[in-house]
Amino acid sequence: MWYNIIPILLILISGIIIFYIITKKFPAVANLDLSTLPREKEKQVKQRIINNRLKRNLNRWSLWFRRIFHPVFNYLVDHSKELYQKLLSARENLAKSASNKNVSASEIDELLLAAEEAKKKEDFGTAEKIYIQIISIDSKNVAAFKFLGQLYLETHKIEEAKETLEHVLKLTKEDADVYANLAEVAKENGQLERAKTYYVESIKLNNENGQNYFNLAEIYKLQNNYKEAIKSMKETLKIEPKNPKYLDAMFNLSIISKDKAEALDAYKKLKDINPENAKLGEMKEQIDEL
């Protein structure tokens, strides 16, 4: 009898054990991550690839959009700011114009003198302000623009000088000094041909300024055109025949171009002007070597 009970007991015990194991493991089975299964994992990988590709495309399109439209947006913003500043300046100029309507020519002359005095004292900031004040009163005052351009040139503000002096040419083309100053600007910028053109224009308007011929000779010298340089120096010496600086320049040009006659002539004139010149001995040796 008990033999029949033992198998039943074993079955019951086994069932209890199985039930116990299932109840303990069921939460783990219920929370099983399907990504560990090959098919589900494959689907997930494909989805991730698609998502990543979509993200890359979106990023690329976004970058392209920014590249195309960002400069346009910046331009519009900057242009709006510039326009706003111009409107403000126009309003200020209008107010100044209204307040300066009754400024007389004599008062402008006084301002020009004040600027010149400031310049002599090397108070360049004050001089600049005065010239700008005159221009705000009279936007076509050639003298104020001209002297302001010269001031910029003397203080080595080359771009400001160029812009200001070029504006003078829009107001008048009959000022030899402006062409000479523009020639200096061009020379500073290494534009020798342009400098030469400006000096020639200046000489056409005033052929009695020896300095312009001298400066033109310097341009020819820089271009290694010694023949034209000597020709210009001769014109300089017609105007100022006893100027030691010009005679010394003529002597040096003559030595470079091996023109013994011209070198000797310059030497003799320098000796007549100043027999005690310490350079005369060396100059005579240079002539003898030609």
Protein backbone atom coordinates (compact mmCIF):
# COMPACT_ATOMS: atom_id res chain seq x y z
CA MET A 1 0.00 0.00 0.00
CA TRP A 2 2.69 2.46 1.03
CA TYR A 3 4.51 1.52 -2.15
CA ASN A 4 1.73 3.26 -4.02
CA ILE A 5 1.99 6.36 -1.82
CA ILE A 6 5.72 6.92 -2.41
CA PRO A 7 5.39 7.70 -6.18
CA ILE A 8 2.51 10.03 -5.43
CA LEU A 9 4.57 11.80 -2.78
CA LEU A 10 7.48 12.13 -5.20
CA ILE A 11 5.16 13.60 -7.84
CA LEU A 12 3.74 16.05 -5.31
CA ILE A 13 7.18 17.06 -4.08
CA SER A 14 8.41 17.50 -7.68
CA GLY A 15 5.34 19.55 -8.49
CA ILE A 16 5.90 21.77 -5.46
CA ILE A 17 9.56 22.26 -6.45
CA ILE A 18 8.62 23.10 -10.07
CA PHE A 19 5.91 25.49 -8.87
CA TYR A 20 8.40 27.12 -6.51
CA ILE A 21 10.99 27.57 -9.31
CA ILE A 22 8.40 29.00 -11.73
CA THR A 23 7.06 31.47 -9.19
CA LYS A 24 10.62 32.63 -8.36
CA LYS A 25 11.68 33.01 -12.02
CA PHE A 26 8.45 34.37 -13.51
CA PRO A 27 9.34 38.09 -13.01
CA ALA A 28 12.62 37.55 -14.82
CA VAL A 29 10.80 35.81 -17.68
CA ALA A 30 8.19 38.56 -17.75
CA ASN A 31 10.93 41.23 -17.98
CA LEU A 32 12.94 39.40 -20.59
CA ASP A 33 14.65 41.93 -23.04
CA LEU A 34 13.73 40.81 -26.53
CA SER A 35 16.78 42.62 -27.88
CA THR A 36 18.74 39.59 -26.82
CA LEU A 37 16.81 37.55 -29.32
CA PRO A 38 18.48 37.52 -32.78
CA ARG A 39 15.42 38.59 -34.78
CA GLU A 40 14.41 41.44 -32.46
CA LYS A 41 18.01 42.57 -32.19
CA GLU A 42 18.31 42.72 -35.97
CA LYS A 43 15.19 44.87 -36.20
CA GLN A 44 16.54 47.18 -33.53
CA VAL A 45 19.90 47.53 -35.26
CA LYS A 46 18.17 48.38 -38.55
CA GLN A 47 16.03 50.97 -36.83
CA ARG A 48 19.06 52.49 -35.16
CA ILE A 49 20.88 52.72 -38.51
CA ILE A 50 17.87 54.39 -40.12
CA ASN A 51 17.57 56.82 -37.22
CA ASN A 52 21.26 57.67 -37.35
CA ARG A 53 21.12 58.25 -41.09
CA LEU A 54 18.12 60.50 -40.68
CA LYS A 55 19.95 62.47 -38.00
CA ARG A 56 22.99 62.85 -40.24
CA ASN A 57 20.86 64.10 -43.11
CA LEU A 58 19.09 66.54 -40.84
CA ASN A 59 22.43 67.81 -39.53
CA ARG A 60 23.79 68.16 -43.06
CA TRP A 61 20.70 70.01 -44.25
CA SER A 62 20.83 72.23 -41.17
CA LEU A 63 24.52 73.03 -41.80
CA TRP A 64 23.82 73.78 -45.47
CA PHE A 65 20.93 76.04 -44.49
CA ARG A 66 23.10 77.93 -42.01
CA ARG A 67 25.90 78.35 -44.55
CA ILE A 68 23.53 79.75 -47.15
CA PHE A 69 21.32 81.97 -45.04
CA HIS A 70 23.56 82.94 -42.10
CA PRO A 71 25.67 85.44 -44.17
CA VAL A 72 22.47 86.87 -45.62
CA PHE A 73 21.03 87.29 -42.16
CA ASN A 74 24.25 88.90 -40.90
CA TYR A 75 24.31 91.23 -43.89
CA LEU A 76 20.74 92.32 -43.24
CA VAL A 77 21.51 92.94 -39.57
CA ASP A 78 24.71 94.87 -40.35
CA HIS A 79 23.02 96.82 -43.13
CA SER A 80 20.19 97.75 -40.80
CA LYS A 81 22.68 98.95 -38.17
CA GLU A 82 24.60 100.93 -40.79
CA LEU A 83 21.39 102.49 -42.10
CA TYR A 84 20.37 103.36 -38.57
CA GLN A 85 23.74 105.02 -37.92
CA LYS A 86 23.47 106.96 -41.16
CA LEU A 87 20.03 108.18 -40.18
CA LEU A 88 21.39 109.28 -36.81
CA SER A 89 24.32 111.04 -38.50
CA ALA A 90 21.99 112.69 -40.98
CA ARG A 91 19.83 113.93 -38.13
CA GLU A 92 22.88 115.24 -36.26
CA ASN A 93 24.24 116.90 -39.40
CA LEU A 94 20.86 118.47 -40.06
CA ALA A 95 20.81 119.83 -36.53
CA LYS A 96 24.35 121.15 -36.90
CA SER A 97 23.51 122.65 -40.26
CA ALA A 98 20.52 124.44 -38.76
CA SER A 99 22.61 125.76 -35.88
CA ASN A 100 25.48 126.80 -38.17
CA LYS A 101 23.49 128.56 -40.88
CA ASN A 102 24.60 131.94 -39.64
CA VAL A 103 28.32 131.08 -39.41
CA SER A 104 30.21 133.66 -41.46
CA ALA A 105 33.18 133.17 -43.74
CA SER A 106 35.35 135.13 -41.31
CA GLU A 107 34.42 132.71 -38.51
CA ILE A 108 35.42 129.77 -40.71
CA ASP A 109 38.73 131.52 -41.39
CA GLU A 110 39.23 131.87 -37.65
CA LEU A 111 38.60 128.15 -37.23
CA LEU A 112 41.16 127.39 -39.94
CA LEU A 113 43.69 129.55 -38.12
CA ALA A 114 42.89 127.81 -34.84
CA ALA A 115 43.45 124.43 -36.49
CA GLU A 116 46.76 125.64 -37.92
CA GLU A 117 47.85 126.83 -34.48
CA ALA A 118 46.92 123.48 -32.94
CA LYS A 119 48.88 121.75 -35.67
CA LYS A 120 51.98 123.90 -35.00
CA LYS A 121 51.76 122.85 -31.34
CA GLU A 122 51.51 119.23 -32.53
CA ASP A 123 48.06 119.02 -31.00
CA PHE A 124 46.89 116.96 -33.96
CA GLY A 125 43.74 115.71 -32.27
CA THR A 126 42.42 119.25 -31.76
CA ALA A 127 43.39 120.25 -35.30
CA GLU A 128 41.51 117.26 -36.70
CA LYS A 129 38.39 118.11 -34.66
CA ILE A 130 38.42 121.70 -35.89
CA TYR A 131 38.76 120.68 -39.54
CA ILE A 132 35.88 118.23 -39.13
CA GLN A 133 33.85 120.99 -37.44
CA ILE A 134 34.42 123.25 -40.46
CA ILE A 135 33.39 120.44 -42.81
CA SER A 136 30.20 119.91 -40.81
CA ILE A 137 29.44 123.60 -41.31
CA ASP A 138 30.45 123.68 -44.97
CA SER A 139 30.59 120.27 -46.61
CA LYS A 140 32.29 121.75 -49.70
CA ASN A 141 35.04 123.65 -47.94
CA VAL A 142 38.07 122.68 -50.03
CA ALA A 143 40.61 124.16 -47.61
CA ALA A 144 39.32 122.15 -44.64
CA PHE A 145 39.38 118.88 -46.59
CA LYS A 146 42.80 119.66 -48.03
CA PHE A 147 44.39 120.54 -44.69
CA LEU A 148 42.74 117.55 -43.03
CA GLY A 149 44.21 115.29 -45.72
CA GLN A 150 47.64 116.82 -45.19
CA LEU A 151 47.27 116.33 -41.45
CA TYR A 152 46.50 112.66 -41.95
CA LEU A 153 49.49 112.32 -44.25
CA GLU A 154 51.84 113.99 -41.75
CA THR A 155 50.57 111.75 -38.94
CA HIS A 156 51.00 108.66 -41.15
CA LYS A 157 47.28 107.87 -41.40
CA ILE A 158 47.74 106.91 -45.02
CA GLU A 159 44.31 105.47 -45.80
CA GLU A 160 42.51 108.41 -44.19
CA ALA A 161 44.76 110.79 -46.12
CA LYS A 162 44.04 109.01 -49.40
CA GLU A 163 40.28 109.05 -48.88
CA THR A 164 40.22 112.72 -47.82
CA LEU A 165 42.49 113.99 -50.60
CA GLU A 166 40.64 112.03 -53.26
CA HIS A 167 37.47 113.72 -52.06
CA VAL A 168 39.16 117.11 -52.61
CA LEU A 169 39.65 116.16 -56.27
CA LYS A 170 35.89 115.71 -56.53
CA LEU A 171 35.49 119.30 -55.37
CA THR A 172 38.33 120.74 -57.45
CA LYS A 173 40.97 119.43 -59.84
CA GLU A 174 42.98 122.65 -59.86
CA ASP A 175 45.03 122.24 -56.69
CA ALA A 176 48.67 121.29 -57.27
CA ASP A 177 49.28 120.57 -53.58
CA VAL A 178 46.55 117.93 -53.48
CA TYR A 179 48.12 116.05 -56.40
CA ALA A 180 51.52 116.27 -54.70
CA ASN A 181 50.07 114.92 -51.46
CA LEU A 182 48.33 112.09 -53.28
CA ALA A 183 51.66 111.29 -54.93
CA GLU A 184 53.19 110.91 -51.46
CA VAL A 185 50.32 108.63 -50.44
CA ALA A 186 50.85 106.50 -53.55
CA LYS A 187 54.60 106.34 -52.85
CA GLU A 188 53.92 105.20 -49.27
CA ASN A 189 51.73 102.43 -50.69
CA GLY A 190 54.47 101.38 -53.13
CA GLN A 191 52.48 102.59 -56.17
CA LEU A 192 55.32 104.31 -58.01
CA GLU A 193 53.56 104.71 -61.36
CA ARG A 194 50.58 106.34 -59.71
CA ALA A 195 52.90 108.57 -57.67
CA LYS A 196 54.66 109.63 -60.87
CA THR A 197 51.31 110.45 -62.52
CA TYR A 198 50.25 112.60 -59.57
CA TYR A 199 53.56 114.49 -59.50
CA VAL A 200 53.28 115.19 -63.23
CA GLU A 201 49.74 116.53 -62.69
CA SER A 202 50.98 118.70 -59.84
CA ILE A 203 53.79 120.12 -61.99
CA LYS A 204 51.32 120.92 -64.77
CA LEU A 205 49.39 123.10 -62.33
CA ASN A 206 52.51 124.60 -60.73
CA ASN A 207 55.83 124.31 -62.55
CA GLU A 208 57.62 126.63 -60.14
CA ASN A 209 57.77 124.22 -57.22
CA GLY A 210 61.25 122.72 -57.14
CA GLN A 211 60.25 120.15 -54.53
CA ASN A 212 57.83 118.49 -56.95
CA TYR A 213 60.56 118.04 -59.57
CA PHE A 214 62.86 116.70 -56.86
CA ASN A 215 60.21 114.22 -55.68
CA LEU A 216 59.57 113.14 -59.27
CA ALA A 217 63.32 112.56 -59.69
CA GLU A 218 63.22 110.34 -56.59
CA ILE A 219 60.44 108.25 -58.17
CA TYR A 220 62.46 107.81 -61.37
CA LYS A 221 65.47 106.84 -59.26
CA LEU A 222 63.45 104.16 -57.47
CA GLN A 223 62.45 102.86 -60.91
CA ASN A 224 66.15 102.84 -61.96
CA ASN A 225 65.35 105.37 -64.68
CA TYR A 226 68.38 107.58 -64.03
CA LYS A 227 68.14 109.46 -67.31
CA GLU A 228 64.69 110.83 -66.44
CA ALA A 229 65.75 111.35 -62.83
CA ILE A 230 68.63 113.61 -63.91
CA LYS A 231 66.30 115.42 -66.29
CA SER A 232 63.89 116.18 -63.42
CA MET A 233 66.76 117.24 -61.14
CA LYS A 234 67.91 119.74 -63.77
CA GLU A 235 64.44 121.28 -63.68
CA THR A 236 64.68 121.44 -59.90
CA LEU A 237 68.01 123.26 -60.08
CA LYS A 238 66.61 125.77 -62.58
CA ILE A 239 64.26 126.88 -59.83
CA GLU A 240 66.70 126.60 -56.92
CA PRO A 241 70.23 126.46 -58.40
CA LYS A 242 72.03 126.88 -55.07
CA ASN A 243 70.05 124.45 -52.96
CA PRO A 244 72.65 122.08 -51.38
CA LYS A 245 70.15 119.25 -51.00
CA TYR A 246 69.28 119.33 -54.68
CA LEU A 247 72.91 119.65 -55.77
CA ASP A 248 73.89 116.72 -53.57
CA ALA A 249 71.07 114.64 -55.11
CA MET A 250 72.23 115.59 -58.60
CA PHE A 251 75.79 114.58 -57.75
CA ASN A 252 74.67 111.16 -56.48
CA LEU A 253 72.52 110.54 -59.55
CA SER A 254 75.42 111.49 -61.80
CA ILE A 255 77.76 109.08 -60.02
CA ILE A 256 75.22 106.23 -60.29
CA SER A 257 74.67 106.89 -64.00
CA LYS A 258 78.44 107.45 -64.50
CA ASP A 259 77.91 110.94 -65.93
CA LYS A 260 81.24 112.54 -65.05
CA ALA A 261 80.41 115.96 -66.49
CA GLU A 262 77.22 116.36 -64.46
CA ALA A 263 78.91 115.05 -61.33
CA LEU A 264 81.76 117.52 -61.71
CA ASP A 265 79.34 120.40 -62.29
CA ALA A 266 77.40 119.58 -59.12
CA TYR A 267 80.66 119.21 -57.19
CA LYS A 268 81.92 122.65 -58.25
CA LYS A 269 78.64 124.32 -57.30
CA LEU A 270 78.63 122.65 -53.90
CA LYS A 271 82.24 123.78 -53.39
CA ASP A 272 81.34 127.37 -54.29
CA ILE A 273 78.47 127.36 -51.81
CA ASN A 274 80.46 125.83 -48.96
CA PRO A 275 84.22 125.30 -49.45
CA GLU A 276 84.42 123.78 -45.97
CA ASN A 277 82.05 120.95 -46.84
CA ALA A 278 83.61 117.81 -45.31
CA LYS A 279 82.20 115.63 -48.08
CA LEU A 280 84.06 117.42 -50.91
CA GLY A 281 87.20 115.27 -50.68
CA GLU A 282 85.24 112.05 -50.91
CA MET A 283 83.15 113.45 -53.76
CA LYS A 284 86.29 114.37 -55.75
CA GLU A 285 87.59 110.82 -55.36
CA GLN A 286 84.30 109.44 -56.68
CA ILE A 287 84.55 111.69 -59.74
CA ASP A 288 88.16 110.63 -60.39
CA GLU A 289 87.09 106.97 -60.33
CA LEU A 290 84.60 107.47 -63.17
